[in-house]
PDB file of N, CA and C in Angstrom:
ATOM      1  N   UNK A   1      14.407 -20.370  10.429  1.00  0.00           N
ATOM      2  CA  UNK A   1      13.818 -19.374  10.137  1.00  0.00           C
ATOM      3  C   UNK A   1      13.488 -19.737   8.710  1.00  0.00           C
ATOM      4  N   UNK A   2      11.895 -19.051   8.802  1.00  0.00           N
ATOM      5  CA  UNK A   2      11.376 -19.514   7.053  1.00  0.00           C
ATOM      6  C   UNK A   2      11.487 -17.759   6.294  1.00  0.00           C
ATOM      7  N   UNK A   3      11.183 -18.176   5.385  1.00  0.00           N
ATOM      8  CA  UNK A   3      11.276 -17.175   4.141  1.00  0.00           C
ATOM      9  C   UNK A   3      10.622 -15.952   4.423  1.00  0.00           C
ATOM     10  N   UNK A   4       9.224 -16.954   5.209  1.00  0.00           N
ATOM     11  CA  UNK A   4       7.945 -15.428   5.423  1.00  0.00           C
ATOM     12  C   UNK A   4       8.424 -15.246   6.614  1.00  0.00           C
ATOM     13  N   UNK A   5       9.389 -15.644   7.422  1.00  0.00           N
ATOM     14  CA  UNK A   5       9.396 -14.758   8.380  1.00  0.00           C
ATOM     15  C   UNK A   5      10.629 -13.609   8.872  1.00  0.00           C
ATOM     16  N   UNK A   6      11.155 -13.752   7.423  1.00  0.00           N
ATOM     17  CA  UNK A   6      12.691 -13.078   7.161  1.00  0.00           C
ATOM     18  C   UNK A   6      12.213 -11.570   6.744  1.00  0.00           C
ATOM     19  N   UNK A   7      13.568 -10.594   7.151  1.00  0.00           N
ATOM     20  CA  UNK A   7      13.351  -9.521   6.719  1.00  0.00           C
ATOM     21  C   UNK A   7      14.115  -8.875   5.794  1.00  0.00           C
ATOM     22  N   UNK A   8      14.737  -9.645   5.341  1.00  0.00           N
ATOM     23  CA  UNK A   8      15.384  -9.522   3.983  1.00  0.00           C
ATOM     24  C   UNK A   8      15.194 -10.390   2.994  1.00  0.00           C
ATOM     25  N   UNK A   9      14.696  -9.017   1.708  1.00  0.00           N
ATOM     26  CA  UNK A   9      14.787 -10.059   0.490  1.00  0.00           C
ATOM     27  C   UNK A   9      15.670 -10.140  -0.643  1.00  0.00           C
ATOM     28  N   UNK A  10      16.032 -11.618  -0.597  1.00  0.00           N
ATOM     29  CA  UNK A  10      17.001 -11.739  -1.336  1.00  0.00           C
ATOM     30  C   UNK A  10      16.508 -11.703  -2.316  1.00  0.00           C
ATOM     31  N   UNK A  11      15.491 -11.543  -2.848  1.00  0.00           N
ATOM     32  CA  UNK A  11      15.065 -11.558  -4.807  1.00  0.00           C
ATOM     33  C   UNK A  11      15.712 -10.079  -4.600  1.00  0.00           C
ATOM     34  N   UNK A  12      15.826  -9.194  -4.287  1.00  0.00           N
ATOM     35  CA  UNK A  12      15.526  -7.504  -4.204  1.00  0.00           C
ATOM     36  C   UNK A  12      16.852  -7.207  -4.958  1.00  0.00           C
ATOM     37  N   UNK A  13      17.108  -6.627  -5.940  1.00  0.00           N
ATOM     38  CA  UNK A  13      18.435  -6.114  -6.575  1.00  0.00           C
ATOM     39  C   UNK A  13      17.883  -4.340  -7.410  1.00  0.00           C
ATOM     40  N   UNK A  14      18.986  -3.472  -6.781  1.00  0.00           N
ATOM     41  CA  UNK A  14      18.871  -2.345  -6.573  1.00  0.00           C
ATOM     42  C   UNK A  14      18.688  -2.035  -8.297  1.00  0.00           C
ATOM     43  N   UNK A  15      18.165  -0.754  -9.230  1.00  0.00           N
ATOM     44  CA  UNK A  15      18.269  -0.440 -10.601  1.00  0.00           C
ATOM     45  C   UNK A  15      19.668   0.104 -10.332  1.00  0.00           C
ATOM     46  N   UNK A  16      20.157   0.493  -9.999  1.00  0.00           N
ATOM     47  CA  UNK A  16      21.702   1.023  -9.766  1.00  0.00           C
ATOM     48  C   UNK A  16      22.355   1.324  -8.385  1.00  0.00           C
ATOM     49  N   UNK A  17      23.970   0.612  -8.310  1.00  0.00           N
ATOM     50  CA  UNK A  17      24.393   1.496  -7.546  1.00  0.00           C
ATOM     51  C   UNK A  17      24.778   2.417  -6.938  1.00  0.00           C
ATOM     52  N   UNK A  18      24.929   3.123  -8.313  1.00  0.00           N
ATOM     53  CA  UNK A  18      25.414   4.286  -8.516  1.00  0.00           C
ATOM     54  C   UNK A  18      24.572   5.743  -8.701  1.00  0.00           C
ATOM     55  N   UNK A  19      24.890   6.409  -7.440  1.00  0.00           N
ATOM     56  CA  UNK A  19      23.379   7.730  -7.530  1.00  0.00           C
ATOM     57  C   UNK A  19      24.364   9.170  -6.750  1.00  0.00           C
ATOM     58  N   UNK A  20      23.881  10.317  -6.655  1.00  0.00           N
ATOM     59  CA  UNK A  20      24.204  10.774  -6.375  1.00  0.00           C
ATOM     60  C   UNK A  20      25.055  10.753  -4.307  1.00  0.00           C
ATOM     61  N   UNK A  21      26.005  10.871  -3.762  1.00  0.00           N
ATOM     62  CA  UNK A  21      26.798  10.613  -2.572  1.00  0.00           C
ATOM     63  C   UNK A  21      26.418  12.147  -1.712  1.00  0.00           C
ATOM     64  N   UNK A  22      26.392  12.327  -0.599  1.00  0.00           N
ATOM     65  CA  UNK A  22      26.447  13.041   0.296  1.00  0.00           C
ATOM     66  C   UNK A  22      27.605  12.869   1.026  1.00  0.00           C
ATOM     67  N   UNK A  23      28.319  14.144   0.928  1.00  0.00           N
ATOM     68  CA  UNK A  23      29.643  13.985   1.417  1.00  0.00           C
ATOM     69  C   UNK A  23      29.855  12.709   2.849  1.00  0.00           C
ATOM     70  N   UNK A  24      29.730  12.494   3.683  1.00  0.00           N
ATOM     71  CA  UNK A  24      29.564  11.780   5.029  1.00  0.00           C
ATOM     72  C   UNK A  24      29.532  10.513   4.461  1.00  0.00           C
ATOM     73  N   UNK A  25      28.501  10.178   3.145  1.00  0.00           N
ATOM     74  CA  UNK A  25      28.291   8.880   2.457  1.00  0.00           C
ATOM     75  C   UNK A  25      29.910   8.550   1.902  1.00  0.00           C
ATOM     76  N   UNK A  26      30.200   9.486   1.000  1.00  0.00           N
ATOM     77  CA  UNK A  26      31.055   9.180   0.206  1.00  0.00           C
ATOM     78  C   UNK A  26      33.035   9.307   0.642  1.00  0.00           C
ATOM     79  N   UNK A  27      32.859  10.290   1.934  1.00  0.00           N
ATOM     80  CA  UNK A  27      33.601   9.804   2.665  1.00  0.00           C
ATOM     81  C   UNK A  27      34.219   8.168   3.322  1.00  0.00           C
ATOM     82  N   UNK A  28      33.025   7.766   3.838  1.00  0.00           N
ATOM     83  CA  UNK A  28      32.420   6.878   4.923  1.00  0.00           C
ATOM     84  C   UNK A  28      33.403   5.451   3.542  1.00  0.00           C
ATOM     85  N   UNK A  29      33.103   5.468   2.346  1.00  0.00           N
ATOM     86  CA  UNK A  29      32.683   4.805   1.634  1.00  0.00           C
ATOM     87  C   UNK A  29      34.364   4.487   0.994  1.00  0.00           C
ATOM     88  N   UNK A  30      35.085   5.342   1.082  1.00  0.00           N
ATOM     89  CA  UNK A  30      36.014   5.690   0.447  1.00  0.00           C
ATOM     90  C   UNK A  30      37.698   5.037   1.393  1.00  0.00           C
ATOM     91  N   UNK A  31      37.234   5.116   2.366  1.00  0.00           N
ATOM     92  CA  UNK A  31      37.854   4.569   3.906  1.00  0.00           C
ATOM     93  C   UNK A  31      38.330   3.403   3.604  1.00  0.00           C
ATOM     94  N   UNK A  32      39.796   2.587   3.876  1.00  0.00           N
ATOM     95  CA  UNK A  32      39.877   1.628   3.766  1.00  0.00           C
ATOM     96  C   UNK A  32      40.046   0.837   4.973  1.00  0.00           C
ATOM     97  N   UNK A  33      40.380   1.703   6.149  1.00  0.00           N
ATOM     98  CA  UNK A  33      40.638   1.069   7.797  1.00  0.00           C
ATOM     99  C   UNK A  33      39.509   1.236   8.396  1.00  0.00           C
ATOM    100  N   UNK A  34      39.461  -0.259   8.792  1.00  0.00           N
ATOM    101  CA  UNK A  34      37.726  -0.456   9.846  1.00  0.00           C
ATOM    102  C   UNK A  34      37.731   0.059  10.524  1.00  0.00           C
ATOM    103  N   UNK A  35      39.500   0.499  11.359  1.00  0.00           N
ATOM    104  CA  UNK A  35      38.738   1.665  12.627  1.00  0.00           C
ATOM    105  C   UNK A  35      38.629   2.902  12.107  1.00  0.00           C
ATOM    106  N   UNK A  36      39.839   3.268  11.482  1.00  0.00           N
ATOM    107  CA  UNK A  36      39.534   4.515  11.021  1.00  0.00           C
ATOM    108  C   UNK A  36      38.066   4.665  10.671  1.00  0.00           C
ATOM    109  N   UNK A  37      37.320   4.343   9.748  1.00  0.00           N
ATOM    110  CA  UNK A  37      35.698   4.437   9.268  1.00  0.00           C
ATOM    111  C   UNK A  37      35.149   4.343  10.404  1.00  0.00           C
ATOM    112  N   UNK A  38      34.844   3.488  11.474  1.00  0.00           N
ATOM    113  CA  UNK A  38      34.338   3.404  12.898  1.00  0.00           C
ATOM    114  C   UNK A  38      34.594   5.266  13.385  1.00  0.00           C
ATOM    115  N   UNK A  39      35.662   5.697  13.762  1.00  0.00           N
ATOM    116  CA  UNK A  39      35.888   6.402  14.260  1.00  0.00           C
ATOM    117  C   UNK A  39      35.303   8.122  13.474  1.00  0.00           C
ATOM    118  N   UNK A  40      35.242   7.521  12.304  1.00  0.00           N
ATOM    119  CA  UNK A  40      34.274   8.597  11.529  1.00  0.00           C
ATOM    120  C   UNK A  40      32.961   8.847  11.542  1.00  0.00           C
ATOM    121  N   UNK A  41      32.760   7.166  11.263  1.00  0.00           N
ATOM    122  CA  UNK A  41      31.205   7.613  11.875  1.00  0.00           C
ATOM    123  C   UNK A  41      30.795   7.989  12.916  1.00  0.00           C
ATOM    124  N   UNK A  42      31.386   7.620  14.239  1.00  0.00           N
ATOM    125  CA  UNK A  42      31.670   8.169  15.377  1.00  0.00           C
ATOM    126  C   UNK A  42      31.066   9.984  15.368  1.00  0.00           C
ATOM    127  N   UNK A  43      31.966  10.468  15.082  1.00  0.00           N
ATOM    128  CA  UNK A  43      32.565  11.901  14.703  1.00  0.00           C
ATOM    129  C   UNK A  43      31.014  12.467  13.531  1.00  0.00           C
ATOM    130  N   UNK A  44      30.498  11.486  12.491  1.00  0.00           N
ATOM    131  CA  UNK A  44      29.545  12.009  11.655  1.00  0.00           C
ATOM    132  C   UNK A  44      28.037  12.004  12.740  1.00  0.00           C
ATOM    133  N   UNK A  45      28.032  10.684  13.133  1.00  0.00           N
ATOM    134  CA  UNK A  45      26.611  10.618  14.465  1.00  0.00           C
ATOM    135  C   UNK A  45      26.965  12.005  15.309  1.00  0.00           C
ATOM    136  N   UNK A  46      27.397  12.175  15.840  1.00  0.00           N
ATOM    137  CA  UNK A  46      27.748  12.873  16.863  1.00  0.00           C
ATOM    138  C   UNK A  46      27.993  14.796  16.596  1.00  0.00           C
ATOM    139  N   UNK A  47      27.194  14.467  15.331  1.00  0.00           N
ATOM    140  CA  UNK A  47      26.730  16.178  14.897  1.00  0.00           C
ATOM    141  C   UNK A  47      28.567  16.952  14.713  1.00  0.00           C
ATOM    142  N   UNK A  48      29.773  16.197  14.422  1.00  0.00           N
ATOM    143  CA  UNK A  48      30.901  16.998  14.658  1.00  0.00           C
ATOM    144  C   UNK A  48      31.802  16.254  13.464  1.00  0.00           C
ATOM    145  N   UNK A  49      30.901  16.197  12.383  1.00  0.00           N
ATOM    146  CA  UNK A  49      32.246  16.402  10.999  1.00  0.00           C
ATOM    147  C   UNK A  49      33.555  17.073  10.735  1.00  0.00           C
ATOM    148  N   UNK A  50      32.841  18.124  10.814  1.00  0.00           N
ATOM    149  CA  UNK A  50      33.834  19.305  11.079  1.00  0.00           C
ATOM    150  C   UNK A  50      35.322  19.149  11.606  1.00  0.00           C
ATOM    151  N   UNK A  51      35.539  18.404  12.929  1.00  0.00           N
ATOM    152  CA  UNK A  51      36.018  18.157  13.317  1.00  0.00           C
ATOM    153  C   UNK A  51      37.786  16.985  12.951  1.00  0.00           C
ATOM    154  N   UNK A  52      37.253  16.453  12.475  1.00  0.00           N
ATOM    155  CA  UNK A  52      37.192  14.975  11.519  1.00  0.00           C
ATOM    156  C   UNK A  52      39.074  15.801  11.113  1.00  0.00           C
ATOM    157  N   UNK A  53      40.116  14.773  11.653  1.00  0.00           N
ATOM    158  CA  UNK A  53      41.575  14.649  11.274  1.00  0.00           C
ATOM    159  C   UNK A  53      41.713  14.313  10.136  1.00  0.00           C
ATOM    160  N   UNK A  54      42.699  14.848   9.689  1.00  0.00           N
ATOM    161  CA  UNK A  54      43.086  14.631   7.564  1.00  0.00           C
ATOM    162  C   UNK A  54      43.480  13.052   8.033  1.00  0.00           C
ATOM    163  N   UNK A  55      43.775  12.486   8.657  1.00  0.00           N
ATOM    164  CA  UNK A  55      44.222  11.053   9.344  1.00  0.00           C
ATOM    165  C   UNK A  55      42.801  10.315   9.053  1.00  0.00           C
ATOM    166  N   UNK A  56      41.800  10.843   9.551  1.00  0.00           N
ATOM    167  CA  UNK A  56      40.389   9.655   9.347  1.00  0.00           C
ATOM    168  C   UNK A  56      40.376   9.623   8.295  1.00  0.00           C
ATOM    169  N   UNK A  57      40.444  11.193   6.951  1.00  0.00           N
ATOM    170  CA  UNK A  57      39.752  11.038   6.074  1.00  0.00           C
ATOM    171  C   UNK A  57      40.500  10.341   4.575  1.00  0.00           C
ATOM    172  N   UNK A  58      41.376  10.338   5.161  1.00  0.00           N
ATOM    173  CA  UNK A  58      41.951   9.663   3.821  1.00  0.00           C
ATOM    174  C   UNK A  58      42.135   8.206   3.972  1.00  0.00           C
ATOM    175  N   UNK A  59      41.914   7.896   2.151  1.00  0.00           N
ATOM    176  CA  UNK A  59      41.047   6.803   1.994  1.00  0.00           C
ATOM    177  C   UNK A  59      42.313   5.777   2.321  1.00  0.00           C
ATOM    178  N   UNK A  60      43.355   6.351   2.060  1.00  0.00           N
ATOM    179  CA  UNK A  60      44.071   5.033   2.506  1.00  0.00           C
ATOM    180  C   UNK A  60      45.725   5.835   3.100  1.00  0.00           C
ATOM    181  N   UNK A  61      46.073   5.269   4.142  1.00  0.00           N
ATOM    182  CA  UNK A  61      47.273   5.805   4.904  1.00  0.00           C
ATOM    183  C   UNK A  61      48.441   5.363   4.028  1.00  0.00           C
ATOM    184  N   UNK A  62      49.639   5.968   4.088  1.00  0.00           N
ATOM    185  CA  UNK A  62      50.955   5.887   3.006  1.00  0.00           C
ATOM    186  C   UNK A  62      51.863   4.108   4.139  1.00  0.00           C
ATOM    187  N   UNK A  63      52.547   3.863   4.200  1.00  0.00           N
ATOM    188  CA  UNK A  63      53.122   2.714   4.556  1.00  0.00           C
ATOM    189  C   UNK A  63      53.390   3.110   5.809  1.00  0.00           C
ATOM    190  N   UNK A  64      54.110   4.164   6.189  1.00  0.00           N
ATOM    191  CA  UNK A  64      54.350   4.601   7.203  1.00  0.00           C
ATOM    192  C   UNK A  64      53.257   5.194   8.604  1.00  0.00           C
ATOM    193  N   UNK A  65      52.741   5.550   7.909  1.00  0.00           N
ATOM    194  CA  UNK A  65      51.738   5.763   9.350  1.00  0.00           C
ATOM    195  C   UNK A  65      50.871   4.130   9.121  1.00  0.00           C
ATOM    196  N   UNK A  66      50.363   3.617   8.156  1.00  0.00           N
ATOM    197  CA  UNK A  66      49.460   2.007   8.435  1.00  0.00           C
ATOM    198  C   UNK A  66      50.641   1.372   9.152  1.00  0.00           C
ATOM    199  N   UNK A  67      52.110   1.420   8.619  1.00  0.00           N
ATOM    200  CA  UNK A  67      53.203   0.874   9.912  1.00  0.00           C
ATOM    201  C   UNK A  67      52.723   1.392  11.893  1.00  0.00           C
ATOM    202  N   UNK A  68      53.100   2.966  11.714  1.00  0.00           N
ATOM    203  CA  UNK A  68      52.415   3.039  13.532  1.00  0.00           C
ATOM    204  C   UNK A  68      51.525   2.803  13.725  1.00  0.00           C
ATOM    205  N   UNK A  69      50.753   2.911  13.041  1.00  0.00           N
ATOM    206  CA  UNK A  69      49.264   2.799  14.141  1.00  0.00           C
ATOM    207  C   UNK A  69      48.773   1.370  13.956  1.00  0.00           C
ATOM    208  N   UNK A  70      49.637   0.008  13.085  1.00  0.00           N
ATOM    209  CA  UNK A  70      49.768  -1.244  13.480  1.00  0.00           C
ATOM    210  C   UNK A  70      50.826  -1.815  14.620  1.00  0.00           C
ATOM    211  N   UNK A  71      51.198  -0.373  14.639  1.00  0.00           N
ATOM    212  CA  UNK A  71      51.869  -0.905  15.888  1.00  0.00           C
ATOM    213  C   UNK A  71      51.452  -0.729  17.822  1.00  0.00           C
ATOM    214  N   UNK A  72      50.912   0.147  17.151  1.00  0.00           N
ATOM    215  CA  UNK A  72      49.749   0.525  18.854  1.00  0.00           C
ATOM    216  C   UNK A  72      48.656  -0.170  18.483  1.00  0.00           C
ATOM    217  N   UNK A  73      48.198  -0.844  17.554  1.00  0.00           N
ATOM    218  CA  UNK A  73      47.355  -2.160  17.958  1.00  0.00           C
ATOM    219  C   UNK A  73      47.085  -2.950  16.706  1.00  0.00           C
ATOM    220  N   UNK A  74      47.050  -4.438  16.908  1.00  0.00           N
ATOM    221  CA  UNK A  74      47.274  -4.910  15.439  1.00  0.00           C
ATOM    222  C   UNK A  74      45.880  -4.896  14.972  1.00  0.00           C
ATOM    223  N   UNK A  75      44.778  -4.537  15.528  1.00  0.00           N
ATOM    224  CA  UNK A  75      43.360  -4.091  14.691  1.00  0.00           C
ATOM    225  C   UNK A  75      43.043  -3.259  14.653  1.00  0.00           C
ATOM    226  N   UNK A  76      44.121  -2.004  14.362  1.00  0.00           N
ATOM    227  CA  UNK A  76      44.286  -1.119  12.947  1.00  0.00           C
ATOM    228  C   UNK A  76      44.406  -1.429  11.906  1.00  0.00           C
ATOM    229  N   UNK A  77      45.255  -2.761  11.975  1.00  0.00           N
ATOM    230  CA  UNK A  77      45.056  -2.502  10.831  1.00  0.00           C
ATOM    231  C   UNK A  77      44.747  -3.429   9.634  1.00  0.00           C
ATOM    232  N   UNK A  78      43.096  -3.387  10.064  1.00  0.00           N
ATOM    233  CA  UNK A  78      41.862  -4.245   9.485  1.00  0.00           C
ATOM    234  C   UNK A  78      41.323  -3.458   8.701  1.00  0.00           C
ATOM    235  N   UNK A  79      41.826  -3.496   7.035  1.00  0.00           N
ATOM    236  CA  UNK A  79      41.207  -2.862   5.955  1.00  0.00           C
ATOM    237  C   UNK A  79      42.624  -1.923   5.223  1.00  0.00           C
ATOM    238  N   UNK A  80      43.305  -1.747   5.947  1.00  0.00           N
ATOM    239  CA  UNK A  80      44.721  -1.161   5.535  1.00  0.00           C
ATOM    240  C   UNK A  80      45.564  -1.396   4.410  1.00  0.00           C
ATOM    241  N   UNK A  81      45.551  -2.550   4.723  1.00  0.00           N
ATOM    242  CA  UNK A  81      46.367  -3.231   3.216  1.00  0.00           C
ATOM    243  C   UNK A  81      45.120  -3.717   2.532  1.00  0.00           C
ATOM    244  N   UNK A  82      43.890  -3.452   1.776  1.00  0.00           N
ATOM    245  CA  UNK A  82      43.322  -3.539   0.700  1.00  0.00           C
ATOM    246  C   UNK A  82      44.181  -3.061  -0.494  1.00  0.00           C
ATOM    247  N   UNK A  83      43.660  -3.600  -1.312  1.00  0.00           N
ATOM    248  CA  UNK A  83      43.987  -2.651  -2.716  1.00  0.00           C
ATOM    249  C   UNK A  83      43.299  -1.454  -3.442  1.00  0.00           C
ATOM    250  N   UNK A  84      44.056  -0.575  -2.953  1.00  0.00           N
ATOM    251  CA  UNK A  84      42.802   0.460  -4.263  1.00  0.00           C
ATOM    252  C   UNK A  84      41.908   0.738  -5.001  1.00  0.00           C
ATOM    253  N   UNK A  85      41.040   0.742  -4.718  1.00  0.00           N
ATOM    254  CA  UNK A  85      39.415   0.627  -5.277  1.00  0.00           C
ATOM    255  C   UNK A  85      40.050   1.897  -6.565  1.00  0.00           C
ATOM    256  N   UNK A  86      38.795   1.057  -7.328  1.00  0.00           N
ATOM    257  CA  UNK A  86      39.185   1.962  -8.734  1.00  0.00           C
ATOM    258  C   UNK A  86      38.091   3.436  -8.263  1.00  0.00           C
ATOM    259  N   UNK A  87      38.456   4.342  -9.737  1.00  0.00           N
ATOM    260  CA  UNK A  87      38.060   6.117  -9.316  1.00  0.00           C
ATOM    261  C   UNK A  87      36.491   5.644  -9.204  1.00  0.00           C
ATOM    262  N   UNK A  88      35.711   4.810 -10.155  1.00  0.00           N
ATOM    263  CA  UNK A  88      33.734   5.171  -9.950  1.00  0.00           C
ATOM    264  C   UNK A  88      33.520   3.569  -9.482  1.00  0.00           C
ATOM    265  N   UNK A  89      34.676   2.194  -8.496  1.00  0.00           N
ATOM    266  CA  UNK A  89      34.473   1.211  -8.502  1.00  0.00           C
ATOM    267  C   UNK A  89      33.890   1.509  -7.134  1.00  0.00           C
ATOM    268  N   UNK A  90      32.922   0.877  -6.209  1.00  0.00           N
ATOM    269  CA  UNK A  90      31.980   1.304  -4.789  1.00  0.00           C
ATOM    270  C   UNK A  90      31.819  -0.159  -3.896  1.00  0.00           C
ATOM    271  N   UNK A  91      32.288  -0.123  -3.065  1.00  0.00           N
ATOM    272  CA  UNK A  91      32.193  -0.982  -2.414  1.00  0.00           C
ATOM    273  C   UNK A  91      30.802  -1.141  -1.835  1.00  0.00           C
ATOM    274  N   UNK A  92      29.805  -2.780  -1.945  1.00  0.00           N
ATOM    275  CA  UNK A  92      28.704  -2.415  -2.070  1.00  0.00           C
ATOM    276  C   UNK A  92      28.707  -3.842  -0.477  1.00  0.00           C
ATOM    277  N   UNK A  93      29.510  -4.144  -0.350  1.00  0.00           N
ATOM    278  CA  UNK A  93      29.612  -4.882   1.196  1.00  0.00           C
ATOM    279  C   UNK A  93      30.938  -4.953   1.888  1.00  0.00           C
ATOM    280  N   UNK A  94      31.093  -4.985   2.996  1.00  0.00           N
ATOM    281  CA  UNK A  94      32.336  -5.433   3.638  1.00  0.00           C
ATOM    282  C   UNK A  94      31.933  -6.269   5.216  1.00  0.00           C
ATOM    283  N   UNK A  95      32.826  -7.053   5.036  1.00  0.00           N
ATOM    284  CA  UNK A  95      32.687  -8.338   6.239  1.00  0.00           C
ATOM    285  C   UNK A  95      34.042  -8.053   6.977  1.00  0.00           C
ATOM    286  N   UNK A  96      33.888  -8.005   8.211  1.00  0.00           N
ATOM    287  CA  UNK A  96      34.620  -7.578   9.196  1.00  0.00           C
ATOM    288  C   UNK A  96      34.710  -8.685  10.414  1.00  0.00           C
ATOM    289  N   UNK A  97      35.653  -9.364  10.635  1.00  0.00           N
ATOM    290  CA  UNK A  97      36.206  -9.937  11.275  1.00  0.00           C
ATOM    291  C   UNK A  97      36.470  -9.814  12.490  1.00  0.00           C
ATOM    292  N   UNK A  98      35.954  -9.690  13.937  1.00  0.00           N
ATOM    293  CA  UNK A  98      36.169  -9.357  14.891  1.00  0.00           C
ATOM    294  C   UNK A  98      37.534 -10.657  15.772  1.00  0.00           C
ATOM    295  N   UNK A  99      38.628 -10.254  15.161  1.00  0.00           N
ATOM    296  CA  UNK A  99      39.909 -11.170  15.496  1.00  0.00           C
ATOM    297  C   UNK A  99      41.270 -10.187  15.510  1.00  0.00           C
ATOM    298  N   UNK A 100      41.808 -11.109  16.113  1.00  0.00           N
ATOM    299  CA  UNK A 100      42.735  -9.356  16.535  1.00  0.00           C
ATOM    300  C   UNK A 100      43.325  -8.266  15.357  1.00  0.00           C
ATOM    301  N   UNK A 101      43.573  -9.291  14.120  1.00  0.00           N
ATOM    302  CA  UNK A 101      43.952  -7.843  13.088  1.00  0.00           C
ATOM    303  C   UNK A 101      42.808  -7.269  12.406  1.00  0.00           C
ATOM    304  N   UNK A 102      41.354  -7.889  13.021  1.00  0.00           N
ATOM    305  CA  UNK A 102      40.655  -7.497  12.560  1.00  0.00           C
ATOM    306  C   UNK A 102      40.300  -7.468  10.950  1.00  0.00           C
ATOM    307  N   UNK A 103      41.128  -8.634  10.373  1.00  0.00           N
ATOM    308  CA  UNK A 103      40.528  -9.071   8.868  1.00  0.00           C
ATOM    309  C   UNK A 103      39.309  -8.410   8.066  1.00  0.00           C
ATOM    310  N   UNK A 104      39.442  -7.899   6.919  1.00  0.00           N
ATOM    311  CA  UNK A 104      38.279  -6.979   6.069  1.00  0.00           C
ATOM    312  C   UNK A 104      38.273  -8.101   4.607  1.00  0.00           C
ATOM    313  N   UNK A 105      36.958  -8.043   4.379  1.00  0.00           N
ATOM    314  CA  UNK A 105      37.320  -8.392   2.803  1.00  0.00           C
ATOM    315  C   UNK A 105      35.787  -7.475   2.436  1.00  0.00           C
ATOM    316  N   UNK A 106      36.585  -6.540   1.623  1.00  0.00           N
ATOM    317  CA  UNK A 106      35.400  -6.128   0.667  1.00  0.00           C
ATOM    318  C   UNK A 106      34.513  -6.011  -0.539  1.00  0.00           C
ATOM    319  N   UNK A 107      33.192  -6.027  -1.054  1.00  0.00           N
ATOM    320  CA  UNK A 107      32.573  -6.819  -1.875  1.00  0.00           C
ATOM    321  C   UNK A 107      32.461  -5.408  -2.435  1.00  0.00           C
ATOM    322  N   UNK A 108      33.299  -5.320  -3.664  1.00  0.00           N
ATOM    323  CA  UNK A 108      33.125  -4.419  -4.842  1.00  0.00           C
ATOM    324  C   UNK A 108      32.450  -4.168  -6.032  1.00  0.00           C
ATOM    325  N   UNK A 109      31.899  -3.062  -6.552  1.00  0.00           N
ATOM    326  CA  UNK A 109      31.284  -3.377  -7.928  1.00  0.00           C
ATOM    327  C   UNK A 109      31.604  -2.621  -9.005  1.00  0.00           C
ATOM    328  N   UNK A 110      32.413  -2.645  -9.834  1.00  0.00           N
ATOM    329  CA  UNK A 110      32.439  -1.591 -10.778  1.00  0.00           C
ATOM    330  C   UNK A 110      31.330  -1.068 -11.734  1.00  0.00           C
ATOM    331  N   UNK A 111      31.415   0.222 -12.204  1.00  0.00           N
ATOM    332  CA  UNK A 111      30.357   0.615 -12.714  1.00  0.00           C
ATOM    333  C   UNK A 111      30.297  -0.195 -14.521  1.00  0.00           C
ATOM    334  N   UNK A 112      30.912  -0.117 -14.916  1.00  0.00           N
ATOM    335  CA  UNK A 112      30.844  -0.486 -16.167  1.00  0.00           C
ATOM    336  C   UNK A 112      30.224  -2.484 -16.029  1.00  0.00           C
ATOM    337  N   UNK A 113      30.181  -2.919 -15.289  1.00  0.00           N
ATOM    338  CA  UNK A 113      29.790  -4.247 -15.699  1.00  0.00           C
ATOM    339  C   UNK A 113      28.483  -4.151 -15.505  1.00  0.00           C
ATOM    340  N   UNK A 114      28.109  -4.864 -16.796  1.00  0.00           N
ATOM    341  CA  UNK A 114      26.328  -4.854 -17.323  1.00  0.00           C
ATOM    342  C   UNK A 114      25.559  -5.742 -16.272  1.00  0.00           C
ATOM    343  N   UNK A 115      26.232  -7.026 -15.950  1.00  0.00           N
ATOM    344  CA  UNK A 115      25.462  -8.165 -15.554  1.00  0.00           C
ATOM    345  C   UNK A 115      25.406  -7.806 -13.639  1.00  0.00           C
ATOM    346  N   UNK A 116      25.506  -8.221 -12.927  1.00  0.00           N
ATOM    347  CA  UNK A 116      25.423  -8.306 -11.606  1.00  0.00           C
ATOM    348  C   UNK A 116      26.731  -9.170 -11.489  1.00  0.00           C
ATOM    349  N   UNK A 117      27.775  -8.433 -11.755  1.00  0.00           N
ATOM    350  CA  UNK A 117      29.229  -9.367 -11.490  1.00  0.00           C
ATOM    351  C   UNK A 117      29.488  -8.381 -10.466  1.00  0.00           C
ATOM    352  N   UNK A 118      30.478  -9.466  -9.209  1.00  0.00           N
ATOM    353  CA  UNK A 118      31.027  -8.385  -7.994  1.00  0.00           C
ATOM    354  C   UNK A 118      32.022  -9.056  -7.881  1.00  0.00           C
ATOM    355  N   UNK A 119      33.485  -8.122  -7.334  1.00  0.00           N
ATOM    356  CA  UNK A 119      34.910  -8.489  -7.124  1.00  0.00           C
ATOM    357  C   UNK A 119      34.891  -8.755  -5.705  1.00  0.00           C
ATOM    358  N   UNK A 120      35.672  -9.717  -4.950  1.00  0.00           N
ATOM    359  CA  UNK A 120      35.996  -9.651  -3.384  1.00  0.00           C
ATOM    360  C   UNK A 120      37.323  -9.220  -3.203  1.00  0.00           C
ATOM    361  N   UNK A 121      37.961  -8.499  -2.686  1.00  0.00           N
ATOM    362  CA  UNK A 121      39.331  -7.828  -2.534  1.00  0.00           C
ATOM    363  C   UNK A 121      39.801  -8.326  -1.039  1.00  0.00           C
ATOM    364  N   UNK A 122      40.724  -9.036  -0.896  1.00  0.00           N
ATOM    365  CA  UNK A 122      40.607  -9.281   0.820  1.00  0.00           C
ATOM    366  C   UNK A 122      42.942  -9.149   0.652  1.00  0.00           C
ATOM    367  N   UNK A 123      43.202  -8.206   1.431  1.00  0.00           N
ATOM    368  CA  UNK A 123      44.515  -8.721   2.066  1.00  0.00           C
ATOM    369  C   UNK A 123      45.126  -8.275   3.591  1.00  0.00           C
ATOM    370  N   UNK A 124      46.005  -9.834   3.559  1.00  0.00           N
ATOM    371  CA  UNK A 124      46.339  -9.918   5.268  1.00  0.00           C
ATOM    372  C   UNK A 124      47.551  -9.508   4.830  1.00  0.00           C
ATOM    373  N   UNK A 125      48.111  -8.883   5.842  1.00  0.00           N
ATOM    374  CA  UNK A 125      49.184  -8.366   6.222  1.00  0.00           C
ATOM    375  C   UNK A 125      50.075  -9.258   7.603  1.00  0.00           C
ATOM    376  N   UNK A 126      50.647  -9.871   7.880  1.00  0.00           N
ATOM    377  CA  UNK A 126      51.213  -9.964   8.909  1.00  0.00           C
ATOM    378  C   UNK A 126      52.752  -9.250   9.606  1.00  0.00           C
TER     379      UNK A 126
END
C-alpha cells in the first residue's frame, strides 16, 4: 500500500489529547479489563447505559473479583492487571491480542509532558 492509497495520516498530531469528555467516553477510557470494556460498549451502543452493573463501570476490580472472573475464563483477565492510570493520564491506544488471556498493552499520555512522549504499560499474570 502506498502512502497515497492510505486513509491514515501518519503526520497527524492532535492539538491536545485533553478535552471535555462525555460520560460514555470517560467510563470506557478508565476501564482496565478488555472484556468488561467490550460489554460496557455494547450496552452504550444499545442505548442501555442506565442498565450498567457496578461491576462493569469500575475502573479496576479488587483482587478477589479479578481472581473470580479469571477463573470463569482466562480471557477475562485481559487488561485487569494493568497498572493504575494517573488521575489525568489518558490511554490514547490499546493493543489487545486475541490470545487465551487476551493480553493488553496500553499506550498512555500524561498531561504534563510537553513533547509527544508516550508510556507503554503491560502486565501479565499467569
